[in-house]
Amino acid sequence: MFDVLGALALAAVATGVVWVGGARLESAADGLAAHYRLPPVVQGAVVAAVGSSFPELSSVVLSTLLHGDFELGVGAIVGSAIFNVLVIPAASALATSRPLDSNRDLVYKEAQFYMLSVAVLLLTFAFAVIYEPIGGLSGTFTRPLAAIPLALYGLYLFVQYQDTADHRSDADPVDGDPTRLWLLLLGSLALILVGVEALVRAALTLGDALGTPAFLWGLTVVAAGTSLPDAIVSVRAARNNNAETSLANVLGSNIFDLLVAVPAGIVLGGATPIDFAFAAPMMGVLVAATIVLFTVIRTDLELTRSESLLLLALYTAFVAWLALETAGVTDLIPT
């Protein structure tokens, strides 16, 4: 019991550290985007998304390199992606007095590229089972396979670069030396790194103390904690009447998590086993959650209060299902 309480306390403190780092990160990202006069969709989908996704990237790298638990990192990524598509858009819409506006660029470019990212990562897991089999539905995720999602993210950056090259901002250029903003960005990333390591240790402790897979705690405790910077960026953008940046940050963050954060652990730590039977159900939940989000933001190109409550209800149901899995009431996730 002491270990569980200590792990929960550590997770709470670590979440606060990530929260502070995320707030400073958001400020630095906004300043840099204004300085370089980036279009809103690029600001949300690349600058803010990559910065606020640093906790998820850290969770995979630290879990793999320091703790030898790649599945914990993958659990944090998938859980964070589900949190991002269900909770953050809902919280952003509820934080304003009017529906959160969407647009066709988000629905037909960002959203569809995100769906492609989910499919490519799932396909990469399948390739690990087919071409590097271990036995059953397990395979080895190797560095050559990690190049597949990374290459797709390179294409994504190229598309965003084209948008940036074509963009003509009406805003006045921001003069001055951006060095202070870059230093603030680096300092916030370091603070987030400390918080994420504490979250990973808390998840491992909870798994050992309760006799449950650390993967499940990665899906919940680590995922929610590492998603705080994304939530900060999106909610503040929504309150500033910048719905495009708010939603683009969610999608861009998930694209980065799936295509860069997951393979980064393999690139840095080397080949590692992956259980497709373990990962596929969670990816299936992510696909279902994504379909619901795309459906509600496409209707009238806005996210209403009632639709936001629906998203929150679905996330609550997801957490309840994980609790049943942990308690052994259901057994849809192989252990």
C-alpha atoms as a PDB file:
ATOM      1  CA  MET A   1       0.000   0.000   0.000  1.00  0.00           C
ATOM      2  CA  PHE A   2       2.866   2.376   0.817  1.00  0.00           C
ATOM      3  CA  ASP A   3       4.392   1.785  -2.627  1.00  0.00           C
ATOM      4  CA  VAL A   4       1.048   2.556  -4.313  1.00  0.00           C
ATOM      5  CA  LEU A   5       0.503   5.772  -2.350  1.00  0.00           C
ATOM      6  CA  GLY A   6       4.083   6.839  -2.946  1.00  0.00           C
ATOM      7  CA  ALA A   7       3.765   6.169  -6.684  1.00  0.00           C
ATOM      8  CA  LEU A   8       0.513   8.142  -6.875  1.00  0.00           C
ATOM      9  CA  ALA A   9       2.101  11.053  -5.009  1.00  0.00           C
ATOM     10  CA  LEU A  10       5.100  10.938  -7.348  1.00  0.00           C
ATOM     11  CA  ALA A  11       2.760  10.927 -10.357  1.00  0.00           C
ATOM     12  CA  ALA A  12       0.910  13.970  -9.001  1.00  0.00           C
ATOM     13  CA  VAL A  13       4.135  15.939  -8.463  1.00  0.00           C
ATOM     14  CA  ALA A  14       5.467  14.884 -11.867  1.00  0.00           C
ATOM     15  CA  THR A  15       2.237  15.988 -13.525  1.00  0.00           C
ATOM     16  CA  GLY A  16       2.657  19.410 -11.939  1.00  0.00           C
ATOM     17  CA  VAL A  17       6.215  19.649 -13.254  1.00  0.00           C
ATOM     18  CA  VAL A  18       5.046  18.719 -16.758  1.00  0.00           C
ATOM     19  CA  TRP A  19       2.246  21.294 -16.437  1.00  0.00           C
ATOM     20  CA  VAL A  20       4.680  24.118 -15.607  1.00  0.00           C
ATOM     21  CA  GLY A  21       7.023  23.074 -18.397  1.00  0.00           C
ATOM     22  CA  GLY A  22       4.106  22.918 -20.833  1.00  0.00           C
ATOM     23  CA  ALA A  23       2.947  26.433 -19.956  1.00  0.00           C
ATOM     24  CA  ARG A  24       6.413  27.852 -20.595  1.00  0.00           C
ATOM     25  CA  LEU A  25       6.693  25.813 -23.765  1.00  0.00           C
ATOM     26  CA  GLU A  26       3.417  27.238 -25.082  1.00  0.00           C
ATOM     27  CA  SER A  27       4.626  30.782 -24.466  1.00  0.00           C
ATOM     28  CA  ALA A  28       7.910  30.159 -26.289  1.00  0.00           C
ATOM     29  CA  ALA A  29       6.184  28.423 -29.221  1.00  0.00           C
ATOM     30  CA  ASP A  30       3.724  31.294 -29.664  1.00  0.00           C
ATOM     31  CA  GLY A  31       6.528  33.841 -29.633  1.00  0.00           C
ATOM     32  CA  LEU A  32       8.609  31.934 -32.181  1.00  0.00           C
ATOM     33  CA  ALA A  33       5.614  31.403 -34.483  1.00  0.00           C
ATOM     34  CA  ALA A  34       4.871  35.132 -34.386  1.00  0.00           C
ATOM     35  CA  HIS A  35       8.519  36.015 -34.976  1.00  0.00           C
ATOM     36  CA  TYR A  36       8.761  33.815 -38.059  1.00  0.00           C
ATOM     37  CA  ARG A  37       5.211  34.736 -39.224  1.00  0.00           C
ATOM     38  CA  LEU A  38       3.991  31.172 -39.631  1.00  0.00           C
ATOM     39  CA  PRO A  39       0.422  30.412 -40.798  1.00  0.00           C
ATOM     40  CA  PRO A  40      -1.949  29.270 -38.016  1.00  0.00           C
ATOM     41  CA  VAL A  41      -2.252  25.685 -39.240  1.00  0.00           C
ATOM     42  CA  VAL A  42       1.551  25.282 -39.331  1.00  0.00           C
ATOM     43  CA  GLN A  43       1.881  26.939 -35.924  1.00  0.00           C
ATOM     44  CA  GLY A  44      -0.553  24.421 -34.478  1.00  0.00           C
ATOM     45  CA  ALA A  45       0.386  21.319 -36.459  1.00  0.00           C
ATOM     46  CA  VAL A  46       4.182  21.641 -36.336  1.00  0.00           C
ATOM     47  CA  VAL A  47       5.598  24.238 -33.914  1.00  0.00           C
ATOM     48  CA  ALA A  48       3.153  23.804 -31.018  1.00  0.00           C
ATOM     49  CA  ALA A  49       2.525  20.125 -31.720  1.00  0.00           C
ATOM     50  CA  VAL A  50       6.176  19.044 -31.831  1.00  0.00           C
ATOM     51  CA  GLY A  51       6.991  21.059 -28.723  1.00  0.00           C
ATOM     52  CA  SER A  52       4.007  19.870 -26.712  1.00  0.00           C
ATOM     53  CA  SER A  53       4.641  16.269 -27.861  1.00  0.00           C
ATOM     54  CA  PHE A  54       8.062  16.244 -26.238  1.00  0.00           C
ATOM     55  CA  PRO A  55       6.655  14.498 -23.111  1.00  0.00           C
ATOM     56  CA  GLU A  56       5.365  11.599 -25.216  1.00  0.00           C
ATOM     57  CA  LEU A  57       8.674  11.381 -27.069  1.00  0.00           C
ATOM     58  CA  SER A  58      10.477  11.380 -23.730  1.00  0.00           C
ATOM     59  CA  SER A  59       8.240   8.631 -22.354  1.00  0.00           C
ATOM     60  CA  VAL A  60       9.196   6.257 -25.181  1.00  0.00           C
ATOM     61  CA  VAL A  61      12.898   7.081 -25.091  1.00  0.00           C
ATOM     62  CA  LEU A  62      13.195   6.920 -21.296  1.00  0.00           C
ATOM     63  CA  SER A  63      11.066   3.767 -21.006  1.00  0.00           C
ATOM     64  CA  THR A  64      13.186   1.995 -23.622  1.00  0.00           C
ATOM     65  CA  LEU A  65      16.687   3.234 -22.793  1.00  0.00           C
ATOM     66  CA  LEU A  66      16.543   3.511 -18.999  1.00  0.00           C
ATOM     67  CA  HIS A  67      13.939   0.926 -18.043  1.00  0.00           C
ATOM     68  CA  GLY A  68      13.914  -1.546 -20.950  1.00  0.00           C
ATOM     69  CA  ASP A  69      10.111  -1.345 -21.256  1.00  0.00           C
ATOM     70  CA  PHE A  70       9.190  -0.315 -24.806  1.00  0.00           C
ATOM     71  CA  GLU A  71       5.559  -1.380 -24.338  1.00  0.00           C
ATOM     72  CA  LEU A  72       5.140   1.151 -21.508  1.00  0.00           C
ATOM     73  CA  GLY A  73       6.240   3.900 -23.881  1.00  0.00           C
ATOM     74  CA  VAL A  74       3.907   2.671 -26.623  1.00  0.00           C
ATOM     75  CA  GLY A  75       1.074   2.533 -24.078  1.00  0.00           C
ATOM     76  CA  ALA A  76       1.774   6.145 -23.134  1.00  0.00           C
ATOM     77  CA  ILE A  77       1.729   7.167 -26.811  1.00  0.00           C
ATOM     78  CA  VAL A  78      -1.534   5.391 -27.645  1.00  0.00           C
ATOM     79  CA  GLY A  79      -3.190   6.509 -24.406  1.00  0.00           C
ATOM     80  CA  SER A  80      -2.049  10.075 -25.019  1.00  0.00           C
ATOM     81  CA  ALA A  81      -3.384   9.957 -28.585  1.00  0.00           C
ATOM     82  CA  ILE A  82      -6.788   8.787 -27.314  1.00  0.00           C
ATOM     83  CA  PHE A  83      -6.733  11.510 -24.627  1.00  0.00           C
ATOM     84  CA  ASN A  84      -5.840  14.076 -27.268  1.00  0.00           C
ATOM     85  CA  VAL A  85      -8.669  13.265 -29.680  1.00  0.00           C
ATOM     86  CA  LEU A  86     -11.385  12.878 -27.021  1.00  0.00           C
ATOM     87  CA  VAL A  87     -10.553  15.125 -24.068  1.00  0.00           C
ATOM     88  CA  ILE A  88      -8.544  18.057 -25.428  1.00  0.00           C
ATOM     89  CA  PRO A  89     -10.975  19.126 -28.219  1.00  0.00           C
ATOM     90  CA  ALA A  90     -13.855  18.782 -25.749  1.00  0.00           C
ATOM     91  CA  ALA A  91     -12.050  20.828 -23.091  1.00  0.00           C
ATOM     92  CA  SER A  92     -11.125  23.482 -25.676  1.00  0.00           C
ATOM     93  CA  ALA A  93     -14.737  23.797 -26.857  1.00  0.00           C
ATOM     94  CA  LEU A  94     -16.112  23.919 -23.300  1.00  0.00           C
ATOM     95  CA  ALA A  95     -13.564  26.606 -22.353  1.00  0.00           C
ATOM     96  CA  THR A  96     -15.185  29.045 -24.784  1.00  0.00           C
ATOM     97  CA  SER A  97     -18.663  30.506 -24.940  1.00  0.00           C
ATOM     98  CA  ARG A  98     -19.300  29.352 -28.492  1.00  0.00           C
ATOM     99  CA  PRO A  99     -18.700  26.208 -30.596  1.00  0.00           C
ATOM    100  CA  LEU A 100     -15.125  25.487 -31.612  1.00  0.00           C
ATOM    101  CA  ASP A 101     -14.849  26.180 -35.332  1.00  0.00           C
ATOM    102  CA  SER A 102     -13.246  23.734 -37.721  1.00  0.00           C
ATOM    103  CA  ASN A 103     -12.450  24.159 -41.426  1.00  0.00           C
ATOM    104  CA  ARG A 104     -11.905  22.087 -44.535  1.00  0.00           C
ATOM    105  CA  ASP A 105      -8.091  22.224 -44.269  1.00  0.00           C
ATOM    106  CA  LEU A 106      -8.277  20.512 -40.890  1.00  0.00           C
ATOM    107  CA  VAL A 107     -10.818  17.909 -41.983  1.00  0.00           C
ATOM    108  CA  TYR A 108      -9.443  17.083 -45.417  1.00  0.00           C
ATOM    109  CA  LYS A 109      -5.699  17.527 -44.891  1.00  0.00           C
ATOM    110  CA  GLU A 110      -4.655  17.299 -41.228  1.00  0.00           C
ATOM    111  CA  ALA A 111      -7.314  14.784 -40.219  1.00  0.00           C
ATOM    112  CA  GLN A 112      -6.832  12.498 -43.202  1.00  0.00           C
ATOM    113  CA  PHE A 113      -3.052  12.574 -42.829  1.00  0.00           C
ATOM    114  CA  TYR A 114      -3.532  11.635 -39.198  1.00  0.00           C
ATOM    115  CA  MET A 115      -5.647   8.635 -40.179  1.00  0.00           C
ATOM    116  CA  LEU A 116      -2.888   7.645 -42.611  1.00  0.00           C
ATOM    117  CA  SER A 117      -0.397   7.875 -39.734  1.00  0.00           C
ATOM    118  CA  VAL A 118      -2.449   5.459 -37.627  1.00  0.00           C
ATOM    119  CA  ALA A 119      -2.671   3.007 -40.527  1.00  0.00           C
ATOM    120  CA  VAL A 120       1.066   3.175 -41.295  1.00  0.00           C
ATOM    121  CA  LEU A 121       2.099   2.555 -37.684  1.00  0.00           C
ATOM    122  CA  LEU A 122      -0.277  -0.405 -37.419  1.00  0.00           C
ATOM    123  CA  LEU A 123       1.112  -1.720 -40.712  1.00  0.00           C
ATOM    124  CA  THR A 124       4.649  -1.341 -39.357  1.00  0.00           C
ATOM    125  CA  PHE A 125       3.730  -3.432 -36.306  1.00  0.00           C
ATOM    126  CA  ALA A 126       2.302  -6.067 -38.666  1.00  0.00           C
ATOM    127  CA  PHE A 127       5.531  -6.072 -40.702  1.00  0.00           C
ATOM    128  CA  ALA A 128       7.458  -6.758 -37.473  1.00  0.00           C
ATOM    129  CA  VAL A 129       5.364  -9.892 -36.927  1.00  0.00           C
ATOM    130  CA  ILE A 130       5.587 -11.008 -40.571  1.00  0.00           C
ATOM    131  CA  TYR A 131       9.257 -10.375 -41.353  1.00  0.00           C
ATOM    132  CA  GLU A 132      10.864 -10.549 -37.874  1.00  0.00           C
ATOM    133  CA  PRO A 133       8.696 -13.163 -36.118  1.00  0.00           C
ATOM    134  CA  ILE A 134       9.342 -14.315 -32.577  1.00  0.00           C
ATOM    135  CA  GLY A 135       6.375 -16.604 -32.162  1.00  0.00           C
ATOM    136  CA  GLY A 136       2.604 -16.282 -32.134  1.00  0.00           C
ATOM    137  CA  LEU A 137       1.676 -12.675 -32.861  1.00  0.00           C
ATOM    138  CA  SER A 138       4.959 -11.245 -31.589  1.00  0.00           C
ATOM    139  CA  GLY A 139       7.733  -9.803 -33.714  1.00  0.00           C
ATOM    140  CA  THR A 140      10.826  -7.619 -33.489  1.00  0.00           C
ATOM    141  CA  PHE A 141      10.498  -3.908 -34.206  1.00  0.00           C
ATOM    142  CA  THR A 142      13.814  -3.106 -35.925  1.00  0.00           C
ATOM    143  CA  ARG A 143      15.486   0.112 -37.016  1.00  0.00           C
ATOM    144  CA  PRO A 144      14.734  -0.472 -40.747  1.00  0.00           C
ATOM    145  CA  LEU A 145      11.048  -0.832 -39.868  1.00  0.00           C
ATOM    146  CA  ALA A 146      11.214   2.351 -37.765  1.00  0.00           C
ATOM    147  CA  ALA A 147      12.271   4.193 -40.928  1.00  0.00           C
ATOM    148  CA  ILE A 148       8.800   3.649 -42.433  1.00  0.00           C
ATOM    149  CA  PRO A 149       6.831   5.977 -40.109  1.00  0.00           C
ATOM    150  CA  LEU A 150       9.747   8.421 -39.973  1.00  0.00           C
ATOM    151  CA  ALA A 151       9.700   8.685 -43.777  1.00  0.00           C
ATOM    152  CA  LEU A 152       5.977   9.461 -43.705  1.00  0.00           C
ATOM    153  CA  TYR A 153       6.600  12.233 -41.181  1.00  0.00           C
ATOM    154  CA  GLY A 154       9.177  13.643 -43.582  1.00  0.00           C
ATOM    155  CA  LEU A 155       6.417  13.834 -46.194  1.00  0.00           C
ATOM    156  CA  TYR A 156       4.185  15.584 -43.659  1.00  0.00           C
ATOM    157  CA  LEU A 157       6.861  18.210 -42.994  1.00  0.00           C
ATOM    158  CA  PHE A 158       7.264  18.740 -46.739  1.00  0.00           C
ATOM    159  CA  VAL A 159       3.525  19.400 -47.096  1.00  0.00           C
ATOM    160  CA  GLN A 160       3.645  21.873 -44.201  1.00  0.00           C
ATOM    161  CA  TYR A 161       6.697  23.547 -45.719  1.00  0.00           C
ATOM    162  CA  GLN A 162       4.788  24.059 -48.942  1.00  0.00           C
ATOM    163  CA  ASP A 163       1.986  25.735 -46.990  1.00  0.00           C
ATOM    164  CA  THR A 164       4.500  27.970 -45.242  1.00  0.00           C
ATOM    165  CA  ALA A 165       6.140  28.935 -48.544  1.00  0.00           C
ATOM    166  CA  ASP A 166       2.743  29.822 -50.045  1.00  0.00           C
ATOM    167  CA  HIS A 167       1.551  31.744 -46.972  1.00  0.00           C
ATOM    168  CA  ARG A 168       1.497  35.538 -47.029  1.00  0.00           C
ATOM    169  CA  SER A 169       0.901  36.920 -43.549  1.00  0.00           C
ATOM    170  CA  ASP A 170      -0.905  40.234 -43.077  1.00  0.00           C
ATOM    171  CA  ALA A 171       0.610  40.638 -39.626  1.00  0.00           C
ATOM    172  CA  ASP A 172       3.501  43.002 -39.057  1.00  0.00           C
ATOM    173  CA  PRO A 173       6.836  41.225 -38.625  1.00  0.00           C
ATOM    174  CA  VAL A 174       8.086  40.854 -35.059  1.00  0.00           C
ATOM    175  CA  ASP A 175      11.479  42.454 -34.690  1.00  0.00           C
ATOM    176  CA  GLY A 176      14.100  41.499 -32.150  1.00  0.00           C
ATOM    177  CA  ASP A 177      16.399  38.639 -31.307  1.00  0.00           C
ATOM    178  CA  PRO A 178      14.525  35.353 -30.798  1.00  0.00           C
ATOM    179  CA  THR A 179      17.395  33.909 -28.715  1.00  0.00           C
ATOM    180  CA  ARG A 180      15.494  34.414 -25.439  1.00  0.00           C
ATOM    181  CA  LEU A 181      12.526  32.522 -26.846  1.00  0.00           C
ATOM    182  CA  TRP A 182      14.724  29.635 -27.977  1.00  0.00           C
ATOM    183  CA  LEU A 183      16.346  29.469 -24.513  1.00  0.00           C
ATOM    184  CA  LEU A 184      12.904  29.463 -22.884  1.00  0.00           C
ATOM    185  CA  LEU A 185      11.877  26.651 -25.226  1.00  0.00           C
ATOM    186  CA  LEU A 186      14.944  24.551 -24.355  1.00  0.00           C
ATOM    187  CA  GLY A 187      14.514  25.175 -20.623  1.00  0.00           C
ATOM    188  CA  SER A 188      10.878  24.114 -20.723  1.00  0.00           C
ATOM    189  CA  LEU A 189      11.804  20.932 -22.602  1.00  0.00           C
ATOM    190  CA  ALA A 190      14.357  20.074 -19.895  1.00  0.00           C
ATOM    191  CA  LEU A 191      11.738  20.611 -17.180  1.00  0.00           C
ATOM    192  CA  ILE A 192       9.289  18.369 -19.018  1.00  0.00           C
ATOM    193  CA  LEU A 193      11.961  15.681 -19.338  1.00  0.00           C
ATOM    194  CA  VAL A 194      12.374  15.560 -15.539  1.00  0.00           C
ATOM    195  CA  GLY A 195       8.614  15.306 -15.023  1.00  0.00           C
ATOM    196  CA  VAL A 196       8.192  12.530 -17.578  1.00  0.00           C
ATOM    197  CA  GLU A 197      10.940  10.403 -16.006  1.00  0.00           C
ATOM    198  CA  ALA A 198       9.106  10.663 -12.695  1.00  0.00           C
ATOM    199  CA  LEU A 199       5.839   9.643 -14.385  1.00  0.00           C
ATOM    200  CA  VAL A 200       7.493   6.590 -15.950  1.00  0.00           C
ATOM    201  CA  ARG A 201       8.918   5.528 -12.579  1.00  0.00           C
ATOM    202  CA  ALA A 202       5.485   5.968 -10.976  1.00  0.00           C
ATOM    203  CA  ALA A 203       3.860   3.790 -13.652  1.00  0.00           C
ATOM    204  CA  LEU A 204       6.453   1.036 -13.231  1.00  0.00           C
ATOM    205  CA  THR A 205       6.002   1.103  -9.453  1.00  0.00           C
ATOM    206  CA  LEU A 206       2.213   0.883  -9.756  1.00  0.00           C
ATOM    207  CA  GLY A 207       2.532  -2.040 -12.148  1.00  0.00           C
ATOM    208  CA  ASP A 208       4.843  -3.947  -9.805  1.00  0.00           C
ATOM    209  CA  ALA A 209       2.864  -3.173  -6.649  1.00  0.00           C
ATOM    210  CA  LEU A 210      -0.522  -4.155  -8.096  1.00  0.00           C
ATOM    211  CA  GLY A 211       0.669  -6.993 -10.321  1.00  0.00           C
ATOM    212  CA  THR A 212      -0.660  -5.354 -13.494  1.00  0.00           C
ATOM    213  CA  PRO A 213       1.097  -4.669 -16.816  1.00  0.00           C
ATOM    214  CA  ALA A 214       2.919  -1.330 -16.840  1.00  0.00           C
ATOM    215  CA  PHE A 215       1.403  -0.901 -20.317  1.00  0.00           C
ATOM    216  CA  LEU A 216      -1.996  -0.217 -18.721  1.00  0.00           C
ATOM    217  CA  TRP A 217      -0.579   2.474 -16.451  1.00  0.00           C
ATOM    218  CA  GLY A 218       1.156   3.976 -19.446  1.00  0.00           C
ATOM    219  CA  LEU A 219      -2.254   4.184 -21.138  1.00  0.00           C
ATOM    220  CA  THR A 220      -3.684   6.181 -18.238  1.00  0.00           C
ATOM    221  CA  VAL A 221      -1.304   7.792 -15.735  1.00  0.00           C
ATOM    222  CA  VAL A 222       1.621   8.530 -18.063  1.00  0.00           C
ATOM    223  CA  ALA A 223      -0.644   9.339 -21.022  1.00  0.00           C
ATOM    224  CA  ALA A 224      -2.744  11.891 -19.129  1.00  0.00           C
ATOM    225  CA  GLY A 225       0.314  13.486 -17.531  1.00  0.00           C
ATOM    226  CA  THR A 226       2.245  13.809 -20.776  1.00  0.00           C
ATOM    227  CA  SER A 227      -0.809  15.237 -22.582  1.00  0.00           C
ATOM    228  CA  LEU A 228      -0.982  18.301 -20.340  1.00  0.00           C
ATOM    229  CA  PRO A 229       1.204  20.511 -22.594  1.00  0.00           C
ATOM    230  CA  ASP A 230      -1.090  19.665 -25.533  1.00  0.00           C
ATOM    231  CA  ALA A 231      -4.109  20.567 -23.417  1.00  0.00           C
ATOM    232  CA  ILE A 232      -2.554  23.875 -22.366  1.00  0.00           C
ATOM    233  CA  VAL A 233      -1.739  24.863 -25.949  1.00  0.00           C
ATOM    234  CA  SER A 234      -5.151  23.926 -27.344  1.00  0.00           C
ATOM    235  CA  VAL A 235      -7.295  25.426 -24.561  1.00  0.00           C
ATOM    236  CA  ARG A 236      -5.430  28.731 -24.576  1.00  0.00           C
ATOM    237  CA  ALA A 237      -5.622  28.908 -28.367  1.00  0.00           C
ATOM    238  CA  ALA A 238      -9.383  28.300 -28.184  1.00  0.00           C
ATOM    239  CA  ARG A 239      -9.816  31.040 -25.567  1.00  0.00           C
ATOM    240  CA  ASN A 240      -7.903  33.399 -27.850  1.00  0.00           C
ATOM    241  CA  ASN A 241     -10.439  32.655 -30.621  1.00  0.00           C
ATOM    242  CA  ASN A 242      -7.868  30.657 -32.582  1.00  0.00           C
ATOM    243  CA  ALA A 243      -9.806  27.441 -33.081  1.00  0.00           C
ATOM    244  CA  GLU A 244      -7.704  26.421 -36.081  1.00  0.00           C
ATOM    245  CA  THR A 245      -4.507  26.328 -34.032  1.00  0.00           C
ATOM    246  CA  SER A 246      -6.323  24.568 -31.179  1.00  0.00           C
ATOM    247  CA  LEU A 247      -7.519  21.639 -33.302  1.00  0.00           C
ATOM    248  CA  ALA A 248      -4.427  21.529 -35.523  1.00  0.00           C
ATOM    249  CA  ASN A 249      -2.258  21.126 -32.414  1.00  0.00           C
ATOM    250  CA  VAL A 250      -4.215  18.007 -31.411  1.00  0.00           C
ATOM    251  CA  LEU A 251      -3.893  16.396 -34.823  1.00  0.00           C
ATOM    252  CA  GLY A 252      -0.302  17.489 -35.402  1.00  0.00           C
ATOM    253  CA  SER A 253       0.704  16.275 -31.954  1.00  0.00           C
ATOM    254  CA  ASN A 254      -0.775  12.841 -32.588  1.00  0.00           C
ATOM    255  CA  ILE A 255       0.906  12.622 -35.985  1.00  0.00           C
ATOM    256  CA  PHE A 256       4.253  13.406 -34.348  1.00  0.00           C
ATOM    257  CA  ASP A 257       3.625  10.903 -31.533  1.00  0.00           C
ATOM    258  CA  LEU A 258       2.786   8.036 -33.890  1.00  0.00           C
ATOM    259  CA  LEU A 259       5.329   8.694 -36.632  1.00  0.00           C
ATOM    260  CA  VAL A 260       8.289  10.029 -34.615  1.00  0.00           C
ATOM    261  CA  ALA A 261       7.962   9.307 -30.886  1.00  0.00           C
ATOM    262  CA  VAL A 262       7.278   5.560 -31.251  1.00  0.00           C
ATOM    263  CA  PRO A 263      10.102   4.806 -33.743  1.00  0.00           C
ATOM    264  CA  ALA A 264      12.482   7.114 -31.824  1.00  0.00           C
ATOM    265  CA  GLY A 265      12.694   4.541 -29.045  1.00  0.00           C
ATOM    266  CA  ILE A 266      13.759   1.928 -31.603  1.00  0.00           C
ATOM    267  CA  VAL A 267      16.263   4.191 -33.349  1.00  0.00           C
ATOM    268  CA  LEU A 268      17.974   5.077 -30.052  1.00  0.00           C
ATOM    269  CA  GLY A 269      17.567   1.817 -28.175  1.00  0.00           C
ATOM    270  CA  GLY A 270      17.775  -0.763 -30.933  1.00  0.00           C
ATOM    271  CA  ALA A 271      15.410  -3.583 -31.916  1.00  0.00           C
ATOM    272  CA  THR A 272      12.766  -4.571 -29.368  1.00  0.00           C
ATOM    273  CA  PRO A 273       9.930  -7.144 -29.261  1.00  0.00           C
ATOM    274  CA  ILE A 274       6.383  -5.992 -30.025  1.00  0.00           C
ATOM    275  CA  ASP A 275       3.238  -7.984 -29.254  1.00  0.00           C
ATOM    276  CA  PHE A 276       0.755  -7.293 -32.048  1.00  0.00           C
ATOM    277  CA  ALA A 277      -2.078  -8.946 -30.118  1.00  0.00           C
ATOM    278  CA  PHE A 278      -1.393  -6.476 -27.317  1.00  0.00           C
ATOM    279  CA  ALA A 279      -1.064  -3.363 -29.480  1.00  0.00           C
ATOM    280  CA  ALA A 280      -3.853  -3.979 -32.011  1.00  0.00           C
ATOM    281  CA  PRO A 281      -6.822  -3.611 -29.583  1.00  0.00           C
ATOM    282  CA  MET A 282      -5.488  -0.265 -28.363  1.00  0.00           C
ATOM    283  CA  MET A 283      -4.903   0.950 -31.902  1.00  0.00           C
ATOM    284  CA  GLY A 284      -8.467  -0.134 -32.652  1.00  0.00           C
ATOM    285  CA  VAL A 285      -9.763   2.065 -29.815  1.00  0.00           C
ATOM    286  CA  LEU A 286      -7.680   4.942 -31.174  1.00  0.00           C
ATOM    287  CA  VAL A 287      -9.160   4.479 -34.656  1.00  0.00           C
ATOM    288  CA  ALA A 288     -12.708   4.434 -33.245  1.00  0.00           C
ATOM    289  CA  ALA A 289     -12.075   7.576 -31.177  1.00  0.00           C
ATOM    290  CA  THR A 290     -10.582   9.312 -34.199  1.00  0.00           C
ATOM    291  CA  ILE A 291     -13.594   8.472 -36.370  1.00  0.00           C
ATOM    292  CA  VAL A 292     -15.911   9.958 -33.758  1.00  0.00           C
ATOM    293  CA  LEU A 293     -13.838  13.166 -33.570  1.00  0.00           C
ATOM    294  CA  PHE A 294     -13.732  13.578 -37.365  1.00  0.00           C
ATOM    295  CA  THR A 295     -17.472  13.020 -37.565  1.00  0.00           C
ATOM    296  CA  VAL A 296     -18.348  15.687 -35.017  1.00  0.00           C
ATOM    297  CA  ILE A 297     -15.936  18.324 -36.351  1.00  0.00           C
ATOM    298  CA  ARG A 298     -17.152  17.725 -39.914  1.00  0.00           C
ATOM    299  CA  THR A 299     -20.827  18.302 -39.066  1.00  0.00           C
ATOM    300  CA  ASP A 300     -21.324  22.043 -39.659  1.00  0.00           C
ATOM    301  CA  LEU A 301     -17.520  22.359 -39.347  1.00  0.00           C
ATOM    302  CA  GLU A 302     -17.730  23.039 -35.615  1.00  0.00           C
ATOM    303  CA  LEU A 303     -17.544  21.257 -32.263  1.00  0.00           C
ATOM    304  CA  THR A 304     -20.560  22.049 -30.081  1.00  0.00           C
ATOM    305  CA  ARG A 305     -21.061  21.702 -26.321  1.00  0.00           C
ATOM    306  CA  SER A 306     -23.196  18.558 -26.659  1.00  0.00           C
ATOM    307  CA  GLU A 307     -20.617  16.963 -28.964  1.00  0.00           C
ATOM    308  CA  SER A 308     -17.885  17.851 -26.446  1.00  0.00           C
ATOM    309  CA  LEU A 309     -19.788  16.107 -23.660  1.00  0.00           C
ATOM    310  CA  LEU A 310     -20.103  13.047 -25.913  1.00  0.00           C
ATOM    311  CA  LEU A 311     -16.323  12.957 -26.369  1.00  0.00           C
ATOM    312  CA  LEU A 312     -15.771  13.196 -22.608  1.00  0.00           C
ATOM    313  CA  ALA A 313     -18.281  10.407 -22.006  1.00  0.00           C
ATOM    314  CA  LEU A 314     -16.425   8.166 -24.458  1.00  0.00           C
ATOM    315  CA  TYR A 315     -13.117   8.795 -22.700  1.00  0.00           C
ATOM    316  CA  THR A 316     -14.726   8.009 -19.351  1.00  0.00           C
ATOM    317  CA  ALA A 317     -15.985   4.725 -20.822  1.00  0.00           C
ATOM    318  CA  PHE A 318     -12.467   3.968 -22.096  1.00  0.00           C
ATOM    319  CA  VAL A 319     -10.925   4.500 -18.643  1.00  0.00           C
ATOM    320  CA  ALA A 320     -13.671   2.388 -17.048  1.00  0.00           C
ATOM    321  CA  TRP A 321     -12.911  -0.425 -19.498  1.00  0.00           C
ATOM    322  CA  LEU A 322      -9.210  -0.274 -18.617  1.00  0.00           C
ATOM    323  CA  ALA A 323     -10.152  -0.492 -14.945  1.00  0.00           C
ATOM    324  CA  LEU A 324     -12.162  -3.649 -15.694  1.00  0.00           C
ATOM    325  CA  GLU A 325      -9.179  -5.067 -17.604  1.00  0.00           C
ATOM    326  CA  THR A 326      -6.890  -4.316 -14.674  1.00  0.00           C
ATOM    327  CA  ALA A 327      -9.299  -5.974 -12.246  1.00  0.00           C
ATOM    328  CA  GLY A 328      -9.572  -9.037 -14.482  1.00  0.00           C
ATOM    329  CA  VAL A 329     -13.313  -8.599 -15.085  1.00  0.00           C
ATOM    330  CA  THR A 330     -12.757  -8.430 -18.864  1.00  0.00           C
ATOM    331  CA  ASP A 331      -9.947  -9.984 -20.893  1.00  0.00           C
ATOM    332  CA  LEU A 332      -9.907  -8.294 -24.285  1.00  0.00           C
ATOM    333  CA  ILE A 333      -6.249  -7.243 -23.942  1.00  0.00           C
ATOM    334  CA  PRO A 334      -3.939 -10.296 -23.863  1.00  0.00           C
ATOM    335  CA  THR A 335      -1.605 -10.266 -20.856  1.00  0.00           C
END
